[in-house]
Amino acid sequence: MKRRETIERAEPATADLAQAFASLDDPHDVVDFLVDLCTPAELEALADRWAVVPLLVQGVPYRSIHEQTGVSVTTVGRVARCLDHGTGGYRAALRRHTAGS
Protein backbone atom coordinates (compact mmCIF):
# COMPACT_ATOMS: atom_id res chain seq x y z
CA MET A 1 0.00 0.00 0.00
CA LYS A 2 1.43 3.38 -0.97
CA ARG A 3 1.88 5.91 1.81
CA ARG A 4 -0.72 8.39 0.54
CA GLU A 5 -3.28 5.61 0.14
CA THR A 6 -2.97 4.42 3.72
CA ILE A 7 -4.94 7.25 5.34
CA GLU A 8 -7.73 6.96 2.78
CA ARG A 9 -7.87 3.16 3.18
CA ALA A 10 -7.60 3.17 6.97
CA GLU A 11 -10.59 2.43 9.10
CA PRO A 12 -12.25 5.73 10.15
CA ALA A 13 -11.26 5.19 13.78
CA THR A 14 -7.62 4.59 12.75
CA ALA A 15 -7.59 7.72 10.61
CA ASP A 16 -9.11 9.70 13.49
CA LEU A 17 -6.46 8.36 15.88
CA ALA A 18 -3.74 9.35 13.41
CA GLN A 19 -5.19 12.86 13.27
CA ALA A 20 -5.17 13.02 17.08
CA PHE A 21 -1.46 12.09 17.16
CA ALA A 22 -0.68 14.57 14.39
CA SER A 23 -2.41 17.36 16.33
CA LEU A 24 -0.02 17.00 19.28
CA ASP A 25 3.06 19.20 18.97
CA ASP A 26 4.64 18.69 22.39
CA PRO A 27 6.32 15.33 23.12
CA HIS A 28 5.06 15.58 26.71
CA ASP A 29 1.49 15.70 25.38
CA VAL A 30 2.20 12.67 23.20
CA VAL A 31 3.53 10.73 26.20
CA ASP A 32 0.46 11.68 28.24
CA PHE A 33 -1.80 10.58 25.37
CA LEU A 34 0.08 7.27 24.96
CA VAL A 35 -0.07 6.55 28.69
CA ASP A 36 -3.81 7.22 28.71
CA LEU A 37 -4.42 5.30 25.49
CA CYS A 38 -2.30 2.18 26.02
CA THR A 39 -1.89 -0.43 28.69
CA PRO A 40 1.64 -0.63 30.13
CA ALA A 41 2.24 -3.81 28.08
CA GLU A 42 1.04 -2.15 24.86
CA LEU A 43 3.22 0.88 25.48
CA GLU A 44 6.22 -1.35 26.18
CA ALA A 45 5.61 -3.27 22.95
CA LEU A 46 5.45 -0.04 20.94
CA ALA A 47 8.61 1.30 22.58
CA ASP A 48 10.40 -2.02 21.96
CA ARG A 49 9.53 -1.92 18.26
CA TRP A 50 10.68 1.67 17.95
CA ALA A 51 13.99 0.90 19.73
CA VAL A 52 14.73 -1.74 17.10
CA VAL A 53 14.22 0.55 14.08
CA PRO A 54 17.49 2.54 14.16
CA LEU A 55 19.50 -0.60 14.85
CA LEU A 56 18.00 -2.38 11.84
CA VAL A 57 18.61 0.65 9.64
CA GLN A 58 22.25 0.59 10.78
CA GLY A 59 22.46 -3.06 9.72
CA VAL A 60 22.88 -4.56 13.18
CA PRO A 61 22.16 -8.33 13.08
CA TYR A 62 18.92 -9.55 14.65
CA ARG A 63 20.66 -11.57 17.36
CA SER A 64 22.79 -8.57 18.37
CA ILE A 65 19.68 -6.39 18.53
CA HIS A 66 18.05 -8.98 20.78
CA GLU A 67 21.12 -9.06 23.03
CA GLN A 68 21.32 -5.23 23.20
CA THR A 69 17.64 -4.54 23.75
CA GLY A 70 16.04 -7.71 25.08
CA VAL A 71 13.47 -7.49 22.26
CA SER A 72 12.61 -10.93 20.88
CA VAL A 73 14.12 -12.00 17.58
CA THR A 74 10.55 -12.53 16.34
CA THR A 75 9.69 -8.88 17.03
CA VAL A 76 12.94 -7.75 15.44
CA GLY A 77 11.98 -9.75 12.34
CA ARG A 78 8.50 -8.23 12.29
CA VAL A 79 9.91 -4.71 12.42
CA ALA A 80 12.43 -5.60 9.70
CA ARG A 81 9.61 -6.84 7.45
CA CYS A 82 7.76 -3.56 7.96
CA LEU A 83 10.91 -1.61 7.14
CA ASP A 84 11.37 -3.61 3.95
CA HIS A 85 7.77 -4.10 2.82
CA GLY A 86 5.58 -1.77 4.90
CA THR A 87 4.13 1.64 4.18
CA GLY A 88 7.26 3.60 5.09
CA GLY A 89 5.99 4.83 8.43
CA TYR A 90 9.00 3.70 10.43
CA ARG A 91 11.43 5.32 7.98
CA ALA A 92 9.45 8.58 7.86
CA ALA A 93 9.34 8.78 11.65
CA LEU A 94 13.04 7.95 11.91
CA ARG A 95 13.95 10.64 9.34
CA ARG A 96 11.96 13.28 11.17
CA HIS A 97 13.15 12.13 14.59
CA THR A 98 16.78 12.19 13.46
CA ALA A 99 16.36 15.59 11.77
CA GLY A 100 14.80 17.00 14.94
CA SER A 101 17.57 15.74 17.23
C-alpha atoms as a PDB file:
ATOM      1  CA  MET A   1       0.000   0.000   0.000  1.00  0.00           C
ATOM      2  CA  LYS A   2       1.435   3.377  -0.967  1.00  0.00           C
ATOM      3  CA  ARG A   3       1.878   5.914   1.811  1.00  0.00           C
ATOM      4  CA  ARG A   4      -0.723   8.387   0.535  1.00  0.00           C
ATOM      5  CA  GLU A   5      -3.277   5.607   0.136  1.00  0.00           C
ATOM      6  CA  THR A   6      -2.965   4.421   3.724  1.00  0.00           C
ATOM      7  CA  ILE A   7      -4.938   7.252   5.344  1.00  0.00           C
ATOM      8  CA  GLU A   8      -7.726   6.961   2.784  1.00  0.00           C
ATOM      9  CA  ARG A   9      -7.871   3.165   3.179  1.00  0.00           C
ATOM     10  CA  ALA A  10      -7.599   3.173   6.966  1.00  0.00           C
ATOM     11  CA  GLU A  11     -10.594   2.434   9.098  1.00  0.00           C
ATOM     12  CA  PRO A  12     -12.245   5.727  10.148  1.00  0.00           C
ATOM     13  CA  ALA A  13     -11.257   5.187  13.783  1.00  0.00           C
ATOM     14  CA  THR A  14      -7.623   4.594  12.750  1.00  0.00           C
ATOM     15  CA  ALA A  15      -7.588   7.717  10.608  1.00  0.00           C
ATOM     16  CA  ASP A  16      -9.105   9.699  13.488  1.00  0.00           C
ATOM     17  CA  LEU A  17      -6.462   8.357  15.883  1.00  0.00           C
ATOM     18  CA  ALA A  18      -3.743   9.351  13.410  1.00  0.00           C
ATOM     19  CA  GLN A  19      -5.189  12.864  13.275  1.00  0.00           C
ATOM     20  CA  ALA A  20      -5.170  13.018  17.077  1.00  0.00           C
ATOM     21  CA  PHE A  21      -1.461  12.090  17.159  1.00  0.00           C
ATOM     22  CA  ALA A  22      -0.680  14.574  14.385  1.00  0.00           C
ATOM     23  CA  SER A  23      -2.406  17.355  16.331  1.00  0.00           C
ATOM     24  CA  LEU A  24      -0.022  17.002  19.281  1.00  0.00           C
ATOM     25  CA  ASP A  25       3.058  19.203  18.968  1.00  0.00           C
ATOM     26  CA  ASP A  26       4.638  18.686  22.394  1.00  0.00           C
ATOM     27  CA  PRO A  27       6.325  15.335  23.121  1.00  0.00           C
ATOM     28  CA  HIS A  28       5.065  15.581  26.709  1.00  0.00           C
ATOM     29  CA  ASP A  29       1.491  15.700  25.381  1.00  0.00           C
ATOM     30  CA  VAL A  30       2.201  12.672  23.199  1.00  0.00           C
ATOM     31  CA  VAL A  31       3.528  10.729  26.204  1.00  0.00           C
ATOM     32  CA  ASP A  32       0.457  11.683  28.238  1.00  0.00           C
ATOM     33  CA  PHE A  33      -1.796  10.576  25.367  1.00  0.00           C
ATOM     34  CA  LEU A  34       0.075   7.274  24.959  1.00  0.00           C
ATOM     35  CA  VAL A  35      -0.071   6.546  28.694  1.00  0.00           C
ATOM     36  CA  ASP A  36      -3.815   7.221  28.713  1.00  0.00           C
ATOM     37  CA  LEU A  37      -4.420   5.297  25.486  1.00  0.00           C
ATOM     38  CA  CYS A  38      -2.302   2.181  26.016  1.00  0.00           C
ATOM     39  CA  THR A  39      -1.888  -0.429  28.693  1.00  0.00           C
ATOM     40  CA  PRO A  40       1.637  -0.631  30.131  1.00  0.00           C
ATOM     41  CA  ALA A  41       2.240  -3.806  28.082  1.00  0.00           C
ATOM     42  CA  GLU A  42       1.037  -2.146  24.859  1.00  0.00           C
ATOM     43  CA  LEU A  43       3.224   0.880  25.482  1.00  0.00           C
ATOM     44  CA  GLU A  44       6.224  -1.349  26.176  1.00  0.00           C
ATOM     45  CA  ALA A  45       5.606  -3.275  22.947  1.00  0.00           C
ATOM     46  CA  LEU A  46       5.446  -0.036  20.942  1.00  0.00           C
ATOM     47  CA  ALA A  47       8.606   1.295  22.577  1.00  0.00           C
ATOM     48  CA  ASP A  48      10.402  -2.016  21.957  1.00  0.00           C
ATOM     49  CA  ARG A  49       9.533  -1.916  18.257  1.00  0.00           C
ATOM     50  CA  TRP A  50      10.676   1.671  17.954  1.00  0.00           C
ATOM     51  CA  ALA A  51      13.987   0.903  19.728  1.00  0.00           C
ATOM     52  CA  VAL A  52      14.727  -1.735  17.096  1.00  0.00           C
ATOM     53  CA  VAL A  53      14.223   0.550  14.077  1.00  0.00           C
ATOM     54  CA  PRO A  54      17.486   2.537  14.161  1.00  0.00           C
ATOM     55  CA  LEU A  55      19.500  -0.600  14.846  1.00  0.00           C
ATOM     56  CA  LEU A  56      18.003  -2.378  11.844  1.00  0.00           C
ATOM     57  CA  VAL A  57      18.609   0.648   9.635  1.00  0.00           C
ATOM     58  CA  GLN A  58      22.249   0.594  10.784  1.00  0.00           C
ATOM     59  CA  GLY A  59      22.461  -3.059   9.716  1.00  0.00           C
ATOM     60  CA  VAL A  60      22.878  -4.560  13.176  1.00  0.00           C
ATOM     61  CA  PRO A  61      22.162  -8.333  13.076  1.00  0.00           C
ATOM     62  CA  TYR A  62      18.917  -9.554  14.650  1.00  0.00           C
ATOM     63  CA  ARG A  63      20.658 -11.570  17.357  1.00  0.00           C
ATOM     64  CA  SER A  64      22.788  -8.571  18.368  1.00  0.00           C
ATOM     65  CA  ILE A  65      19.681  -6.386  18.534  1.00  0.00           C
ATOM     66  CA  HIS A  66      18.050  -8.979  20.779  1.00  0.00           C
ATOM     67  CA  GLU A  67      21.122  -9.055  23.035  1.00  0.00           C
ATOM     68  CA  GLN A  68      21.320  -5.234  23.201  1.00  0.00           C
ATOM     69  CA  THR A  69      17.638  -4.541  23.745  1.00  0.00           C
ATOM     70  CA  GLY A  70      16.035  -7.714  25.076  1.00  0.00           C
ATOM     71  CA  VAL A  71      13.466  -7.491  22.261  1.00  0.00           C
ATOM     72  CA  SER A  72      12.613 -10.926  20.878  1.00  0.00           C
ATOM     73  CA  VAL A  73      14.125 -11.996  17.577  1.00  0.00           C
ATOM     74  CA  THR A  74      10.551 -12.525  16.336  1.00  0.00           C
ATOM     75  CA  THR A  75       9.689  -8.882  17.034  1.00  0.00           C
ATOM     76  CA  VAL A  76      12.941  -7.746  15.439  1.00  0.00           C
ATOM     77  CA  GLY A  77      11.982  -9.746  12.340  1.00  0.00           C
ATOM     78  CA  ARG A  78       8.504  -8.227  12.286  1.00  0.00           C
ATOM     79  CA  VAL A  79       9.911  -4.711  12.421  1.00  0.00           C
ATOM     80  CA  ALA A  80      12.428  -5.599   9.702  1.00  0.00           C
ATOM     81  CA  ARG A  81       9.609  -6.840   7.451  1.00  0.00           C
ATOM     82  CA  CYS A  82       7.761  -3.562   7.963  1.00  0.00           C
ATOM     83  CA  LEU A  83      10.908  -1.606   7.140  1.00  0.00           C
ATOM     84  CA  ASP A  84      11.370  -3.611   3.954  1.00  0.00           C
ATOM     85  CA  HIS A  85       7.770  -4.098   2.823  1.00  0.00           C
ATOM     86  CA  GLY A  86       5.584  -1.774   4.904  1.00  0.00           C
ATOM     87  CA  THR A  87       4.131   1.637   4.178  1.00  0.00           C
ATOM     88  CA  GLY A  88       7.262   3.595   5.094  1.00  0.00           C
ATOM     89  CA  GLY A  89       5.990   4.827   8.431  1.00  0.00           C
ATOM     90  CA  TYR A  90       9.004   3.696  10.429  1.00  0.00           C
ATOM     91  CA  ARG A  91      11.428   5.323   7.978  1.00  0.00           C
ATOM     92  CA  ALA A  92       9.455   8.582   7.857  1.00  0.00           C
ATOM     93  CA  ALA A  93       9.339   8.780  11.651  1.00  0.00           C
ATOM     94  CA  LEU A  94      13.041   7.952  11.914  1.00  0.00           C
ATOM     95  CA  ARG A  95      13.955  10.639   9.341  1.00  0.00           C
ATOM     96  CA  ARG A  96      11.959  13.282  11.172  1.00  0.00           C
ATOM     97  CA  HIS A  97      13.154  12.132  14.588  1.00  0.00           C
ATOM     98  CA  THR A  98      16.783  12.188  13.460  1.00  0.00           C
ATOM     99  CA  ALA A  99      16.364  15.588  11.775  1.00  0.00           C
ATOM    100  CA  GLY A 100      14.802  16.996  14.944  1.00  0.00           C
ATOM    101  CA  SER A 101      17.574  15.736  17.231  1.00  0.00           C
END
